[in-house]
Amino acid sequence: TETLYALGIGGLLVGVTDYCDYPPEARLKPRVGSVLNPNLERIVALRPDLVLGSTEVNRLETADRLERLGIPLFGVTAHTLDQALASIEDLGRVLGQEAEARGLVARLRTRVAAVEERIAGRRPAQVLFVVWHRPLTTAGRQTFISDVIRRAGGRSIADDLTGEWPRLSLE
């Protein structure tokens, strides 16, 4: 959702998940439920030309049902910041917004370079990124979130834990 708005085509969105709250105008779009368990009846009623998903969080059953309903699905995935930037360019190609996507990626790369220059030589800050609070879940070492933390000069305290989304106790 945020990427489509950043590309200047947020107005094309016919619906969003319950978690899409930025930019503020995204809150005005019809809701289709959670990413993990979207309401397919609502999706069908909105008559999208394309559904955007993520191989990280969408279930295979959802993709299969959309295929049976004849609704195309484009999945993006990114375990690193560089992969996320590449996925923006891929999305730009799919949506006919190649120039806008290249421009957005160039601006984002400039911002990343400025951050990396600013933090060069600093000792990494210890970071806990809470993905969810019940159960307490954080981002594992091989996730986009942990890569962004590293690139911003931090070290996730979960880097030594196994799994993509380790659960923690309060202790």
Protein backbone atom coordinates (compact mmCIF):
# COMPACT_ATOMS: atom_id res chain seq x y z
CA THR A 1 0.00 0.00 0.00
CA GLU A 2 2.70 2.47 0.98
CA THR A 3 4.68 1.64 -2.15
CA LEU A 4 1.71 2.27 -4.42
CA TYR A 5 1.12 5.64 -2.78
CA ALA A 6 4.84 6.44 -3.08
CA LEU A 7 4.58 5.63 -6.80
CA GLY A 8 1.67 8.07 -7.08
CA ILE A 9 -0.95 5.42 -7.84
CA GLY A 10 -2.57 4.87 -4.44
CA GLY A 11 -5.85 5.94 -5.97
CA LEU A 12 -5.90 2.68 -7.94
CA LEU A 13 -6.21 0.63 -4.74
CA VAL A 14 -9.70 -0.81 -4.38
CA GLY A 15 -9.00 -2.32 -0.97
CA VAL A 16 -6.32 -2.79 1.68
CA THR A 17 -5.60 -5.06 4.63
CA ASP A 18 -6.50 -4.17 8.18
CA TYR A 19 -2.86 -3.23 8.81
CA CYS A 20 -2.60 -0.61 6.06
CA ASP A 21 -2.71 2.73 7.84
CA TYR A 22 -0.17 4.87 5.97
CA PRO A 23 -0.46 7.25 4.33
CA PRO A 24 -3.60 8.47 6.14
CA GLU A 25 -5.73 8.23 2.97
CA ALA A 26 -5.11 4.47 2.97
CA ARG A 27 -7.34 4.28 6.06
CA LEU A 28 -10.26 5.36 3.87
CA LYS A 29 -10.00 2.34 1.58
CA PRO A 30 -12.27 -0.69 2.03
CA ARG A 31 -10.73 -3.34 4.32
CA VAL A 32 -10.30 -6.97 3.27
CA GLY A 33 -9.14 -8.41 6.60
CA SER A 34 -5.74 -9.53 7.76
CA VAL A 35 -2.78 -10.43 5.59
CA LEU A 36 -2.75 -13.96 6.94
CA ASN A 37 -6.46 -14.57 6.55
CA PRO A 38 -8.09 -12.09 4.14
CA ASN A 39 -11.80 -12.14 3.46
CA LEU A 40 -11.95 -13.51 -0.09
CA GLU A 41 -15.61 -12.58 -0.49
CA ARG A 42 -14.72 -8.92 0.13
CA ILE A 43 -11.83 -9.17 -2.32
CA VAL A 44 -14.10 -10.62 -5.01
CA ALA A 45 -16.72 -7.94 -4.36
CA LEU A 46 -14.11 -5.21 -4.92
CA ARG A 47 -13.32 -6.67 -8.37
CA PRO A 48 -9.55 -6.08 -8.39
CA ASP A 49 -7.54 -6.49 -11.56
CA LEU A 50 -4.63 -7.70 -9.46
CA VAL A 51 -4.03 -8.66 -5.84
CA LEU A 52 -0.68 -7.86 -4.29
CA GLY A 53 0.63 -10.28 -1.72
CA SER A 54 3.72 -11.45 0.04
CA THR A 55 5.21 -14.89 0.15
CA GLU A 56 6.31 -13.99 3.69
CA VAL A 57 2.86 -13.80 5.24
CA ASN A 58 0.16 -14.88 2.81
CA ARG A 59 -0.90 -18.49 2.96
CA LEU A 60 -0.64 -20.80 -0.04
CA GLU A 61 -4.36 -21.61 0.39
CA THR A 62 -5.20 -17.95 -0.23
CA ALA A 63 -3.13 -17.89 -3.41
CA ASP A 64 -4.76 -21.12 -4.60
CA ARG A 65 -8.27 -19.77 -3.96
CA LEU A 66 -7.53 -16.51 -5.77
CA GLU A 67 -6.23 -18.51 -8.73
CA ARG A 68 -9.40 -20.63 -8.80
CA LEU A 69 -11.45 -17.42 -8.71
CA GLY A 70 -9.48 -16.07 -11.70
CA ILE A 71 -7.95 -13.18 -9.74
CA PRO A 72 -4.26 -12.68 -10.54
CA LEU A 73 -1.85 -12.43 -7.62
CA PHE A 74 1.55 -10.76 -7.68
CA GLY A 75 3.72 -11.73 -4.75
CA VAL A 76 6.65 -9.75 -3.45
CA THR A 77 9.21 -10.90 -0.96
CA ALA A 78 12.28 -9.31 0.52
CA HIS A 79 14.69 -10.58 3.15
CA THR A 80 17.03 -7.61 2.71
CA LEU A 81 16.76 -3.92 2.03
CA ASP A 82 18.30 -4.42 -1.42
CA GLN A 83 15.68 -7.07 -2.22
CA ALA A 84 12.94 -4.67 -1.07
CA LEU A 85 14.25 -2.00 -3.43
CA ALA A 86 14.36 -4.55 -6.26
CA SER A 87 10.77 -5.53 -5.49
CA ILE A 88 9.70 -1.88 -5.89
CA GLU A 89 11.22 -1.92 -9.37
CA ASP A 90 9.48 -5.24 -10.13
CA LEU A 91 6.18 -3.80 -8.97
CA GLY A 92 6.76 -0.73 -11.13
CA ARG A 93 7.22 -2.97 -14.18
CA VAL A 94 4.06 -4.97 -13.41
CA LEU A 95 1.98 -1.82 -12.88
CA GLY A 96 3.38 0.19 -15.80
CA GLN A 97 5.14 2.62 -13.48
CA GLU A 98 8.76 1.79 -14.34
CA ALA A 99 10.10 5.34 -14.42
CA GLU A 100 8.36 6.24 -11.16
CA ALA A 101 9.71 3.08 -9.52
CA ARG A 102 13.26 3.77 -10.69
CA GLY A 103 13.01 7.32 -9.36
CA LEU A 104 11.64 6.16 -6.00
CA VAL A 105 14.38 3.54 -5.66
CA ALA A 106 17.05 6.11 -6.54
CA ARG A 107 15.73 8.48 -3.84
CA LEU A 108 15.62 5.66 -1.30
CA ARG A 109 19.18 4.56 -2.16
CA THR A 110 20.35 8.14 -1.63
CA ARG A 111 18.71 8.18 1.82
CA VAL A 112 20.28 4.81 2.71
CA ALA A 113 23.72 6.04 1.65
CA ALA A 114 23.31 9.16 3.78
CA VAL A 115 22.43 7.05 6.84
CA GLU A 116 25.33 4.67 6.23
CA GLU A 117 27.73 7.61 5.93
CA ARG A 118 26.39 9.17 9.12
CA ILE A 119 26.79 5.99 11.21
CA ALA A 120 30.16 4.89 9.79
CA GLY A 121 32.56 3.95 12.57
CA ARG A 122 29.95 3.99 15.32
CA ARG A 123 29.45 1.09 17.69
CA PRO A 124 26.18 -0.71 16.82
CA ALA A 125 23.22 0.07 19.07
CA GLN A 126 21.51 -2.98 20.60
CA VAL A 127 17.94 -3.13 19.27
CA LEU A 128 14.81 -5.14 20.05
CA PHE A 129 12.18 -4.80 17.35
CA VAL A 130 8.84 -6.09 18.60
CA VAL A 131 6.83 -7.48 15.69
CA TRP A 132 3.92 -8.56 17.86
CA HIS A 133 3.21 -8.48 21.57
CA ARG A 134 1.05 -11.62 22.08
CA PRO A 135 3.07 -13.74 21.90
CA LEU A 136 6.12 -11.48 22.10
CA THR A 137 7.66 -11.90 18.66
CA THR A 138 10.71 -10.29 17.09
CA ALA A 139 12.46 -10.36 13.74
CA GLY A 140 15.09 -13.04 13.19
CA ARG A 141 18.48 -12.52 11.58
CA GLN A 142 17.37 -13.40 8.03
CA THR A 143 14.53 -10.86 7.81
CA PHE A 144 14.15 -7.52 6.11
CA ILE A 145 13.67 -5.85 9.49
CA SER A 146 16.98 -7.13 10.85
CA ASP A 147 18.77 -6.09 7.67
CA VAL A 148 17.37 -2.56 7.99
CA ILE A 149 18.47 -2.47 11.65
CA ARG A 150 22.01 -3.48 10.58
CA ARG A 151 22.09 -0.95 7.74
CA ALA A 152 20.95 1.77 10.17
CA GLY A 153 23.80 1.01 12.58
CA GLY A 154 22.13 -1.38 14.96
CA ARG A 155 22.39 -4.97 16.03
CA SER A 156 19.23 -6.88 16.75
CA ILE A 157 19.39 -8.68 20.08
CA ALA A 158 17.61 -11.52 18.29
CA ASP A 159 20.42 -12.10 15.78
CA ASP A 160 21.56 -15.19 17.71
CA LEU A 161 18.09 -16.76 17.87
CA THR A 162 16.87 -19.33 15.37
CA GLY A 163 13.97 -18.84 13.01
CA GLU A 164 12.64 -15.90 11.09
CA TRP A 165 10.20 -14.78 13.77
CA PRO A 166 11.49 -15.91 17.17
CA ARG A 167 9.22 -15.72 20.18
CA LEU A 168 10.57 -14.28 23.40
CA SER A 169 9.57 -14.38 27.02
CA LEU A 170 9.47 -11.14 28.99
CA GLU A 171 12.38 -12.44 31.02
